Amino acid sequence: MLLQLFCCLSVTVHNVIADEGTSYCNKFTQDCHNMEPPSDSVTALTVVPYTESQVLPHHRPTRDFHLGGQDIHIQQNWGSLGVAAVVWDAAIVLCEYLELHPEVVRHKQVLELGAGTGLVGIVASYLGKMELGTGTGIVGIVASYLGGHVTVTERREAMPNLSKTVDSNRLVSCPGSITVKELDWTADLSPHPKYDIILGADIIYIEDTFQALLNTLVHTAREDTSVLLSCRIRYDRDLNFLTLLEGHFHVEQIHYDKSRDIKIFSAKKIKTKT
C-alpha cells in the first residue's frame, strides 16, 4: 500500500510540473485511481532523497532571476497568499519579451495590474531606466526623474508581500522609478489616472472578474496606450475575456512561447468617432 502511494505521488509530481495550471488535489486523485495495484507483495520501501529540483516552482520559498540586467530575489508564500505570492511562467515570458523590446517601457508611465510578486513591474522599472554607454550613468539617473515610472498594483491583502518584494529589489540609483499602489478592479476607479503602458501577467483566469478587469483597462488606458497581456489559455472560458476586450480594443497576438505555452496579446483602444 505504501509503495502504491509513493508511486502515485511520483506520477503526480511529474504531471503537475508539466502543467502549472492543473489542480493538485484533482490530479493526485486521478493518478491514484489510474494506478493498478502491484501484482506482487512488496515489503521493501524505496526512500527518495529530497532535492530542490523536485519541489514545484510555486512551492519554493524563494526564486532567483537575472532579468533586466539585474539579479532579482523573490520570496514566495503559496501557503498564505496562493496565486498572488508566486511567480508564474506568464510573468517570466513577459519579462523576457520586455528585455527584447525595452523601448516598450523606457521612459513611459507604466501600470502593472494584478502584479502578484511584482516581477514584471520590477523588470520594467529596470528597463525603463537602462542607458547603454552612459559612463557614470548620470543620464539614466536624471531620466528616471524626468520620465519613466512604474506603478505595480494589487488587492489590499496582497499589498504587504508586494511592497516587501519591490523594496528588496529596488535600484538605489533610481529610488523613484517604481511605486506600489492598491487597486481593486471592483472598487471606485476614479482616483486612478491613465497610463502609457499597461502590463498584466496571468490575470485572465477567473471569469467572475472579467468585466471588472475590462472596466479597469478601459478606465486606465488612453487611445494611444499599449496594453500587453501575457497568459496561458487554460480553458475555453479564458477566450471569453478576449472577446469582451475586442469590444473596446484592437487585439492581436504578438508573441508565443511554445515551450511554456504562453501567449502575449497587444491591445489598443478603438478610437471613438468625433
C-alpha atoms as a PDB file:
ATOM      1  CA  MET A   1       0.000   0.000   0.000  1.00  0.00           C
ATOM      2  CA  LEU A   2       2.801   2.423   0.907  1.00  0.00           C
ATOM      3  CA  LEU A   3       4.618   1.658  -2.318  1.00  0.00           C
ATOM      4  CA  GLN A   4       1.460   2.348  -4.308  1.00  0.00           C
ATOM      5  CA  LEU A   5       1.069   5.685  -2.546  1.00  0.00           C
ATOM      6  CA  PHE A   6       4.664   6.647  -3.316  1.00  0.00           C
ATOM      7  CA  CYS A   7       4.122   5.691  -6.953  1.00  0.00           C
ATOM      8  CA  CYS A   8       1.047   7.902  -7.026  1.00  0.00           C
ATOM      9  CA  LEU A   9       2.999  10.814  -5.620  1.00  0.00           C
ATOM     10  CA  SER A  10       5.805  10.339  -8.134  1.00  0.00           C
ATOM     11  CA  VAL A  11       3.448  10.314 -11.112  1.00  0.00           C
ATOM     12  CA  THR A  12       1.517  13.283  -9.769  1.00  0.00           C
ATOM     13  CA  VAL A  13       4.593  15.468  -9.244  1.00  0.00           C
ATOM     14  CA  HIS A  14       5.789  14.695 -12.761  1.00  0.00           C
ATOM     15  CA  ASN A  15       2.448  15.621 -14.294  1.00  0.00           C
ATOM     16  CA  VAL A  16       1.892  18.768 -12.260  1.00  0.00           C
ATOM     17  CA  ILE A  17       5.305  20.166 -13.132  1.00  0.00           C
ATOM     18  CA  ALA A  18       4.353  19.843 -16.787  1.00  0.00           C
ATOM     19  CA  ASP A  19       1.228  21.973 -16.288  1.00  0.00           C
ATOM     20  CA  GLU A  20       1.252  24.727 -13.655  1.00  0.00           C
ATOM     21  CA  GLY A  21      -2.466  25.286 -14.053  1.00  0.00           C
ATOM     22  CA  THR A  22      -3.536  21.761 -13.013  1.00  0.00           C
ATOM     23  CA  SER A  23      -5.435  21.316  -9.751  1.00  0.00           C
ATOM     24  CA  TYR A  24      -3.058  19.449  -7.488  1.00  0.00           C
ATOM     25  CA  CYS A  25      -5.738  17.672  -5.483  1.00  0.00           C
ATOM     26  CA  ASN A  26      -7.753  16.567  -8.514  1.00  0.00           C
ATOM     27  CA  LYS A  27      -4.628  15.398 -10.309  1.00  0.00           C
ATOM     28  CA  PHE A  28      -3.472  13.401  -7.301  1.00  0.00           C
ATOM     29  CA  THR A  29      -6.847  11.667  -7.018  1.00  0.00           C
ATOM     30  CA  GLN A  30      -6.999  10.906 -10.729  1.00  0.00           C
ATOM     31  CA  ASP A  31      -3.492   9.468 -10.873  1.00  0.00           C
ATOM     32  CA  CYS A  32      -4.070   7.283  -7.832  1.00  0.00           C
ATOM     33  CA  HIS A  33      -7.285   5.897  -9.291  1.00  0.00           C
ATOM     34  CA  ASN A  34      -5.471   5.078 -12.509  1.00  0.00           C
ATOM     35  CA  MET A  35      -2.704   3.165 -10.758  1.00  0.00           C
ATOM     36  CA  GLU A  36      -3.017  -0.614 -10.758  1.00  0.00           C
ATOM     37  CA  PRO A  37      -2.129  -2.380  -7.504  1.00  0.00           C
ATOM     38  CA  PRO A  38       1.200  -4.214  -7.632  1.00  0.00           C
ATOM     39  CA  SER A  39       0.959  -7.826  -8.693  1.00  0.00           C
ATOM     40  CA  ASP A  40       3.471  -8.947  -6.079  1.00  0.00           C
ATOM     41  CA  SER A  41       3.577  -8.248  -2.405  1.00  0.00           C
ATOM     42  CA  VAL A  42       6.438  -5.848  -1.794  1.00  0.00           C
ATOM     43  CA  THR A  43       7.907  -5.351   1.646  1.00  0.00           C
ATOM     44  CA  ALA A  44      10.769  -3.022   0.750  1.00  0.00           C
ATOM     45  CA  LEU A  45      10.149   0.731   0.637  1.00  0.00           C
ATOM     46  CA  THR A  46      12.267   2.955  -1.588  1.00  0.00           C
ATOM     47  CA  VAL A  47      13.195   6.278   0.001  1.00  0.00           C
ATOM     48  CA  VAL A  48      13.906   9.088  -2.486  1.00  0.00           C
ATOM     49  CA  PRO A  49      16.254  11.776  -1.126  1.00  0.00           C
ATOM     50  CA  TYR A  50      14.945  15.358  -1.222  1.00  0.00           C
ATOM     51  CA  THR A  51      16.383  17.620  -3.909  1.00  0.00           C
ATOM     52  CA  GLU A  52      15.462  21.225  -4.755  1.00  0.00           C
ATOM     53  CA  SER A  53      14.624  20.260  -8.351  1.00  0.00           C
ATOM     54  CA  GLN A  54      11.809  18.006  -7.130  1.00  0.00           C
ATOM     55  CA  VAL A  55       9.934  20.871  -5.485  1.00  0.00           C
ATOM     56  CA  LEU A  56       7.327  22.615  -7.618  1.00  0.00           C
ATOM     57  CA  PRO A  57       8.470  26.164  -8.548  1.00  0.00           C
ATOM     58  CA  HIS A  58       5.376  27.628  -6.884  1.00  0.00           C
ATOM     59  CA  HIS A  59       6.126  25.919  -3.590  1.00  0.00           C
ATOM     60  CA  ARG A  60       9.730  27.044  -3.298  1.00  0.00           C
ATOM     61  CA  PRO A  61      10.214  29.690  -0.606  1.00  0.00           C
ATOM     62  CA  THR A  62      12.431  31.765  -2.889  1.00  0.00           C
ATOM     63  CA  ARG A  63      13.231  32.111  -6.581  1.00  0.00           C
ATOM     64  CA  ASP A  64      16.105  33.975  -8.215  1.00  0.00           C
ATOM     65  CA  PHE A  65      16.194  35.518 -11.674  1.00  0.00           C
ATOM     66  CA  HIS A  66      18.557  37.601 -13.773  1.00  0.00           C
ATOM     67  CA  LEU A  67      16.328  39.886 -15.804  1.00  0.00           C
ATOM     68  CA  GLY A  68      16.640  43.463 -16.979  1.00  0.00           C
ATOM     69  CA  GLY A  69      20.366  43.315 -16.350  1.00  0.00           C
ATOM     70  CA  GLN A  70      19.876  42.777 -12.621  1.00  0.00           C
ATOM     71  CA  ASP A  71      19.697  39.925 -10.125  1.00  0.00           C
ATOM     72  CA  ILE A  72      16.220  39.630  -8.645  1.00  0.00           C
ATOM     73  CA  HIS A  73      15.333  37.721  -5.484  1.00  0.00           C
ATOM     74  CA  ILE A  74      11.677  36.819  -4.962  1.00  0.00           C
ATOM     75  CA  GLN A  75      10.252  35.391  -1.742  1.00  0.00           C
ATOM     76  CA  GLN A  76       7.192  33.224  -2.388  1.00  0.00           C
ATOM     77  CA  ASN A  77       4.354  32.440   0.006  1.00  0.00           C
ATOM     78  CA  TRP A  78       1.990  29.976  -1.647  1.00  0.00           C
ATOM     79  CA  GLY A  79       0.628  28.718   1.669  1.00  0.00           C
ATOM     80  CA  SER A  80      -0.524  32.177   2.771  1.00  0.00           C
ATOM     81  CA  LEU A  81      -1.494  34.165  -0.328  1.00  0.00           C
ATOM     82  CA  GLY A  82      -1.687  31.473  -3.008  1.00  0.00           C
ATOM     83  CA  VAL A  83      -1.521  32.673  -6.618  1.00  0.00           C
ATOM     84  CA  ALA A  84      -0.741  36.267  -5.599  1.00  0.00           C
ATOM     85  CA  ALA A  85       2.550  35.339  -3.943  1.00  0.00           C
ATOM     86  CA  VAL A  86       4.293  33.133  -6.507  1.00  0.00           C
ATOM     87  CA  VAL A  87       5.935  33.700  -9.883  1.00  0.00           C
ATOM     88  CA  TRP A  88       4.058  32.262 -12.860  1.00  0.00           C
ATOM     89  CA  ASP A  89       5.524  31.430 -16.264  1.00  0.00           C
ATOM     90  CA  ALA A  90       3.466  34.170 -17.909  1.00  0.00           C
ATOM     91  CA  ALA A  91       5.326  36.763 -15.844  1.00  0.00           C
ATOM     92  CA  ILE A  92       8.727  35.360 -16.822  1.00  0.00           C
ATOM     93  CA  VAL A  93       7.793  35.281 -20.514  1.00  0.00           C
ATOM     94  CA  LEU A  94       6.562  38.884 -20.393  1.00  0.00           C
ATOM     95  CA  CYS A  95       9.806  39.958 -18.691  1.00  0.00           C
ATOM     96  CA  GLU A  96      11.840  38.212 -21.383  1.00  0.00           C
ATOM     97  CA  TYR A  97       9.741  39.904 -24.073  1.00  0.00           C
ATOM     98  CA  LEU A  98      10.348  43.320 -22.495  1.00  0.00           C
ATOM     99  CA  GLU A  99      14.090  42.587 -22.393  1.00  0.00           C
ATOM    100  CA  LEU A 100      13.951  42.140 -26.181  1.00  0.00           C
ATOM    101  CA  HIS A 101      11.822  45.283 -26.586  1.00  0.00           C
ATOM    102  CA  PRO A 102      12.872  47.707 -23.824  1.00  0.00           C
ATOM    103  CA  GLU A 103      11.547  50.644 -25.843  1.00  0.00           C
ATOM    104  CA  VAL A 104       8.053  49.497 -24.863  1.00  0.00           C
ATOM    105  CA  VAL A 105       8.565  50.719 -21.287  1.00  0.00           C
ATOM    106  CA  ARG A 106      11.552  53.045 -21.498  1.00  0.00           C
ATOM    107  CA  HIS A 107      10.698  56.462 -20.040  1.00  0.00           C
ATOM    108  CA  LYS A 108       6.986  55.590 -20.022  1.00  0.00           C
ATOM    109  CA  GLN A 109       4.335  55.758 -17.341  1.00  0.00           C
ATOM    110  CA  VAL A 110       3.720  52.048 -16.771  1.00  0.00           C
ATOM    111  CA  LEU A 111       0.942  50.276 -14.845  1.00  0.00           C
ATOM    112  CA  GLU A 112       1.038  46.608 -13.854  1.00  0.00           C
ATOM    113  CA  LEU A 113      -2.328  45.093 -12.925  1.00  0.00           C
ATOM    114  CA  GLY A 114      -2.578  42.086 -10.603  1.00  0.00           C
ATOM    115  CA  ALA A 115       1.156  42.320 -10.005  1.00  0.00           C
ATOM    116  CA  GLY A 116       1.445  39.418  -7.546  1.00  0.00           C
ATOM    117  CA  THR A 117       5.123  39.402  -6.587  1.00  0.00           C
ATOM    118  CA  GLY A 118       5.751  42.401  -8.845  1.00  0.00           C
ATOM    119  CA  LEU A 119       8.367  40.669 -11.016  1.00  0.00           C
ATOM    120  CA  VAL A 120       7.115  42.215 -14.274  1.00  0.00           C
ATOM    121  CA  GLY A 121       6.930  45.707 -12.809  1.00  0.00           C
ATOM    122  CA  ILE A 122      10.367  45.389 -11.229  1.00  0.00           C
ATOM    123  CA  VAL A 123      11.909  44.384 -14.561  1.00  0.00           C
ATOM    124  CA  ALA A 124      10.007  47.152 -16.355  1.00  0.00           C
ATOM    125  CA  SER A 125      11.449  49.678 -13.896  1.00  0.00           C
ATOM    126  CA  TYR A 126      14.966  48.442 -14.667  1.00  0.00           C
ATOM    127  CA  LEU A 127      14.474  48.529 -18.418  1.00  0.00           C
ATOM    128  CA  GLY A 128      12.752  51.893 -18.264  1.00  0.00           C
ATOM    129  CA  LYS A 129      15.952  53.435 -16.956  1.00  0.00           C
ATOM    130  CA  MET A 130      18.678  51.416 -18.685  1.00  0.00           C
ATOM    131  CA  GLU A 131      21.139  53.503 -20.697  1.00  0.00           C
ATOM    132  CA  LEU A 132      23.891  51.980 -22.818  1.00  0.00           C
ATOM    133  CA  GLY A 133      27.338  53.566 -22.739  1.00  0.00           C
ATOM    134  CA  THR A 134      26.441  56.237 -20.163  1.00  0.00           C
ATOM    135  CA  GLY A 135      29.686  56.059 -18.205  1.00  0.00           C
ATOM    136  CA  THR A 136      28.693  57.160 -14.714  1.00  0.00           C
ATOM    137  CA  GLY A 137      25.036  56.505 -15.516  1.00  0.00           C
ATOM    138  CA  ILE A 138      24.040  60.101 -14.744  1.00  0.00           C
ATOM    139  CA  VAL A 139      21.872  60.280 -17.874  1.00  0.00           C
ATOM    140  CA  GLY A 140      19.854  57.273 -16.750  1.00  0.00           C
ATOM    141  CA  ILE A 141      19.501  58.655 -13.228  1.00  0.00           C
ATOM    142  CA  VAL A 142      18.258  62.020 -14.479  1.00  0.00           C
ATOM    143  CA  ALA A 143      15.900  60.268 -16.894  1.00  0.00           C
ATOM    144  CA  SER A 144      14.303  58.371 -14.017  1.00  0.00           C
ATOM    145  CA  TYR A 145      13.071  61.670 -12.614  1.00  0.00           C
ATOM    146  CA  LEU A 146      12.087  63.205 -15.972  1.00  0.00           C
ATOM    147  CA  GLY A 147      10.103  60.278 -17.316  1.00  0.00           C
ATOM    148  CA  GLY A 148       9.669  56.532 -16.923  1.00  0.00           C
ATOM    149  CA  HIS A 149       7.823  55.376 -13.849  1.00  0.00           C
ATOM    150  CA  VAL A 150       6.230  52.039 -12.971  1.00  0.00           C
ATOM    151  CA  THR A 151       3.209  51.559 -10.706  1.00  0.00           C
ATOM    152  CA  VAL A 152       2.570  47.981  -9.571  1.00  0.00           C
ATOM    153  CA  THR A 153      -0.874  47.260  -8.170  1.00  0.00           C
ATOM    154  CA  GLU A 154      -2.674  44.539  -6.258  1.00  0.00           C
ATOM    155  CA  ARG A 155      -5.647  43.978  -3.983  1.00  0.00           C
ATOM    156  CA  ARG A 156      -5.319  45.027  -0.344  1.00  0.00           C
ATOM    157  CA  GLU A 157      -4.446  41.650   1.197  1.00  0.00           C
ATOM    158  CA  ALA A 158      -1.528  41.179  -1.204  1.00  0.00           C
ATOM    159  CA  MET A 159      -0.018  44.618  -0.631  1.00  0.00           C
ATOM    160  CA  PRO A 160       2.396  43.829   2.254  1.00  0.00           C
ATOM    161  CA  ASN A 161       4.078  40.981   0.349  1.00  0.00           C
ATOM    162  CA  LEU A 162       4.227  43.020  -2.880  1.00  0.00           C
ATOM    163  CA  SER A 163       5.688  46.072  -1.128  1.00  0.00           C
ATOM    164  CA  LYS A 164       8.340  43.990   0.615  1.00  0.00           C
ATOM    165  CA  THR A 165       9.416  42.324  -2.638  1.00  0.00           C
ATOM    166  CA  VAL A 166       9.583  45.583  -4.575  1.00  0.00           C
ATOM    167  CA  ASP A 167      11.564  47.334  -1.837  1.00  0.00           C
ATOM    168  CA  SER A 168      14.087  44.496  -1.635  1.00  0.00           C
ATOM    169  CA  ASN A 169      14.742  44.714  -5.386  1.00  0.00           C
ATOM    170  CA  ARG A 170      14.605  48.492  -5.809  1.00  0.00           C
ATOM    171  CA  LEU A 171      17.582  50.071  -7.575  1.00  0.00           C
ATOM    172  CA  VAL A 172      19.342  52.526  -5.272  1.00  0.00           C
ATOM    173  CA  SER A 173      20.232  54.745  -8.250  1.00  0.00           C
ATOM    174  CA  CYS A 174      16.564  55.110  -9.238  1.00  0.00           C
ATOM    175  CA  PRO A 175      14.575  55.193  -5.987  1.00  0.00           C
ATOM    176  CA  GLY A 176      11.530  56.819  -7.541  1.00  0.00           C
ATOM    177  CA  SER A 177      11.178  54.524 -10.551  1.00  0.00           C
ATOM    178  CA  ILE A 178       8.633  52.108  -9.051  1.00  0.00           C
ATOM    179  CA  THR A 179       5.670  52.572  -6.720  1.00  0.00           C
ATOM    180  CA  VAL A 180       3.326  50.078  -5.076  1.00  0.00           C
ATOM    181  CA  LYS A 181      -0.350  51.009  -5.050  1.00  0.00           C
ATOM    182  CA  GLU A 182      -3.594  49.296  -4.099  1.00  0.00           C
ATOM    183  CA  LEU A 183      -6.001  48.841  -6.998  1.00  0.00           C
ATOM    184  CA  ASP A 184      -9.204  46.854  -6.605  1.00  0.00           C
ATOM    185  CA  TRP A 185     -10.814  46.281 -10.003  1.00  0.00           C
ATOM    186  CA  THR A 186     -14.270  46.175  -8.401  1.00  0.00           C
ATOM    187  CA  ALA A 187     -13.880  49.449  -6.448  1.00  0.00           C
ATOM    188  CA  ASP A 188     -14.098  53.100  -7.495  1.00  0.00           C
ATOM    189  CA  LEU A 189     -11.591  53.634 -10.292  1.00  0.00           C
ATOM    190  CA  SER A 190     -11.818  57.432 -10.455  1.00  0.00           C
ATOM    191  CA  PRO A 191      -8.666  58.052  -8.332  1.00  0.00           C
ATOM    192  CA  HIS A 192      -6.538  56.136 -10.821  1.00  0.00           C
ATOM    193  CA  PRO A 193      -5.004  58.022 -13.781  1.00  0.00           C
ATOM    194  CA  LYS A 194      -4.336  56.828 -17.324  1.00  0.00           C
ATOM    195  CA  TYR A 195      -1.001  55.306 -18.342  1.00  0.00           C
ATOM    196  CA  ASP A 196       1.212  54.940 -21.414  1.00  0.00           C
ATOM    197  CA  ILE A 197       1.682  51.193 -20.960  1.00  0.00           C
ATOM    198  CA  ILE A 198      -0.438  48.640 -19.076  1.00  0.00           C
ATOM    199  CA  LEU A 199       1.000  45.205 -18.276  1.00  0.00           C
ATOM    200  CA  GLY A 200      -0.701  42.076 -16.987  1.00  0.00           C
ATOM    201  CA  ALA A 201       0.678  38.556 -16.482  1.00  0.00           C
ATOM    202  CA  ASP A 202      -1.748  35.670 -15.907  1.00  0.00           C
ATOM    203  CA  ILE A 203      -4.610  37.897 -14.808  1.00  0.00           C
ATOM    204  CA  ILE A 204      -7.139  36.238 -17.150  1.00  0.00           C
ATOM    205  CA  TYR A 205      -8.270  33.149 -15.260  1.00  0.00           C
ATOM    206  CA  ILE A 206     -11.296  33.940 -13.051  1.00  0.00           C
ATOM    207  CA  GLU A 207     -14.386  34.535 -15.175  1.00  0.00           C
ATOM    208  CA  ASP A 208     -16.191  36.425 -12.416  1.00  0.00           C
ATOM    209  CA  THR A 209     -13.514  39.152 -12.631  1.00  0.00           C
ATOM    210  CA  PHE A 210     -13.588  39.591 -16.420  1.00  0.00           C
ATOM    211  CA  GLN A 211     -15.990  42.539 -16.517  1.00  0.00           C
ATOM    212  CA  ALA A 212     -14.199  44.316 -13.650  1.00  0.00           C
ATOM    213  CA  LEU A 213     -10.835  43.803 -15.365  1.00  0.00           C
ATOM    214  CA  LEU A 214     -12.248  45.142 -18.630  1.00  0.00           C
ATOM    215  CA  ASN A 215     -13.626  48.215 -16.839  1.00  0.00           C
ATOM    216  CA  THR A 216     -10.209  48.794 -15.272  1.00  0.00           C
ATOM    217  CA  LEU A 217      -8.442  48.591 -18.631  1.00  0.00           C
ATOM    218  CA  VAL A 218     -10.936  50.945 -20.246  1.00  0.00           C
ATOM    219  CA  HIS A 219     -10.517  53.439 -17.398  1.00  0.00           C
ATOM    220  CA  THR A 220      -6.702  53.416 -17.213  1.00  0.00           C
ATOM    221  CA  ALA A 221      -5.997  53.369 -20.979  1.00  0.00           C
ATOM    222  CA  ARG A 222      -5.962  56.236 -23.431  1.00  0.00           C
ATOM    223  CA  GLU A 223      -6.361  55.730 -27.168  1.00  0.00           C
ATOM    224  CA  ASP A 224      -2.561  55.704 -27.535  1.00  0.00           C
ATOM    225  CA  THR A 225      -1.976  53.361 -24.550  1.00  0.00           C
ATOM    226  CA  SER A 226      -0.474  49.958 -25.271  1.00  0.00           C
ATOM    227  CA  VAL A 227      -1.799  47.034 -23.232  1.00  0.00           C
ATOM    228  CA  LEU A 228       0.280  43.843 -23.060  1.00  0.00           C
ATOM    229  CA  LEU A 229      -1.352  40.761 -21.561  1.00  0.00           C
ATOM    230  CA  SER A 230       0.718  37.604 -21.079  1.00  0.00           C
ATOM    231  CA  CYS A 231      -1.260  34.463 -20.356  1.00  0.00           C
ATOM    232  CA  ARG A 232      -1.726  30.758 -20.765  1.00  0.00           C
ATOM    233  CA  ILE A 233      -5.144  29.987 -22.220  1.00  0.00           C
ATOM    234  CA  ARG A 234      -6.115  27.148 -19.891  1.00  0.00           C
ATOM    235  CA  TYR A 235      -9.837  26.956 -20.553  1.00  0.00           C
ATOM    236  CA  ASP A 236     -12.278  27.936 -23.292  1.00  0.00           C
ATOM    237  CA  ARG A 237     -13.784  30.494 -20.937  1.00  0.00           C
ATOM    238  CA  ASP A 238     -10.492  32.399 -20.927  1.00  0.00           C
ATOM    239  CA  LEU A 239     -11.174  33.230 -24.562  1.00  0.00           C
ATOM    240  CA  ASN A 240     -14.375  34.939 -23.442  1.00  0.00           C
ATOM    241  CA  PHE A 241     -12.313  37.749 -21.965  1.00  0.00           C
ATOM    242  CA  LEU A 242     -10.548  38.351 -25.267  1.00  0.00           C
ATOM    243  CA  THR A 243     -13.971  38.587 -26.894  1.00  0.00           C
ATOM    244  CA  LEU A 244     -15.016  41.173 -24.289  1.00  0.00           C
ATOM    245  CA  LEU A 245     -11.758  43.055 -24.828  1.00  0.00           C
ATOM    246  CA  GLU A 246     -12.321  43.222 -28.579  1.00  0.00           C
ATOM    247  CA  GLY A 247     -15.452  45.251 -27.923  1.00  0.00           C
ATOM    248  CA  HIS A 248     -13.260  48.166 -26.800  1.00  0.00           C
ATOM    249  CA  PHE A 249      -9.740  47.388 -28.073  1.00  0.00           C
ATOM    250  CA  HIS A 250      -7.976  46.201 -31.209  1.00  0.00           C
ATOM    251  CA  VAL A 251      -6.381  42.921 -30.052  1.00  0.00           C
ATOM    252  CA  GLU A 252      -3.588  40.902 -31.655  1.00  0.00           C
ATOM    253  CA  GLN A 253      -1.246  38.141 -30.586  1.00  0.00           C
ATOM    254  CA  ILE A 254       2.324  39.433 -30.784  1.00  0.00           C
ATOM    255  CA  HIS A 255       4.337  36.631 -29.176  1.00  0.00           C
ATOM    256  CA  TYR A 256       4.107  32.921 -28.418  1.00  0.00           C
ATOM    257  CA  ASP A 257       6.454  30.975 -26.164  1.00  0.00           C
ATOM    258  CA  LYS A 258       5.874  27.420 -27.355  1.00  0.00           C
ATOM    259  CA  SER A 259       7.948  25.735 -24.659  1.00  0.00           C
ATOM    260  CA  ARG A 260       5.798  27.241 -21.908  1.00  0.00           C
ATOM    261  CA  ASP A 261       2.593  27.648 -23.926  1.00  0.00           C
ATOM    262  CA  ILE A 262       2.380  31.359 -23.098  1.00  0.00           C
ATOM    263  CA  LYS A 263       0.867  33.946 -25.427  1.00  0.00           C
ATOM    264  CA  ILE A 264       1.268  37.712 -25.288  1.00  0.00           C
ATOM    265  CA  PHE A 265      -1.569  39.838 -26.630  1.00  0.00           C
ATOM    266  CA  SER A 266      -1.324  43.518 -27.504  1.00  0.00           C
ATOM    267  CA  ALA A 267      -4.389  45.728 -27.244  1.00  0.00           C
ATOM    268  CA  LYS A 268      -5.080  49.340 -28.185  1.00  0.00           C
ATOM    269  CA  LYS A 269      -8.295  51.224 -27.623  1.00  0.00           C
ATOM    270  CA  ILE A 270     -10.638  51.541 -30.564  1.00  0.00           C
ATOM    271  CA  LYS A 271     -10.688  55.223 -31.487  1.00  0.00           C
ATOM    272  CA  THR A 272     -14.006  56.916 -30.917  1.00  0.00           C
ATOM    273  CA  LYS A 273     -15.539  58.828 -33.791  1.00  0.00           C
ATOM    274  CA  THR A 274     -15.559  62.596 -33.358  1.00  0.00           C
END
